[in-house]
């Protein structure tokens, strides 16, 4: 009689417990297999965070001024005032999106170089030159204008600040050949009086100012004194 009761207890109580335990073990094994499978599977390309490109250049240093483009009308007047001739080479110091060198190449067929410290703007300028089909005449350098050799330039364009123009003035007078032309949008050169100054109509009745200088013969003072 006792044996019969024990067998009945085993059937009614222990079997469900054993079945529940087996189900739990199977679930754990299944989950473990799924995790292992997911770890071995290739991740979805759309969710992968790509590492930053090693080819991306870092700025050489903080830019001297905030970039603001020269209006197109002013660009055209600066180049007209420069009296560009065949064989001239234009350097734009702080070239931004490259508009001045690009227009110089398009309209006058001369070689032009842009020097820009921000590598992102150099990339923009190079793409603009490609779209304008002047990449054979125009080049852009990610460089510090104070450390760049500008001696081959016969025309130099600037859109910087009064302070930066003064800091650049000794370099311009030393490295550029006599007769080279310098044009600055909106900013002067202290006591170096401009040979010409014109105003270009802008928006809302305002004007942009262009200053023009010509490098004097080396060894002559002219009115181009070094900043004190």
Foldseek 3Di string as FASTA:
>chain_A
DVVVVVVVCCVPPVVVVVVVVVVVVVVVVVVVVVVVVVVPDDDDPVPDDDDDDPPDDDFPDDDQDDDDDDDPQVLVVQVVVQVDDPPAEEEEEQCFLPPNQLVCCVPPVAAYEYEHRHVVRQVNNCVVSVVSVNNVRYHYHNDHPVPDQPLRHLEYEYEHEQVVLLVCLVVCLPRYAFFRKYKYKQYDPPQQAFPDKDWDQDPPRDTIIMGMHTRHHPPDPRRRDRDD
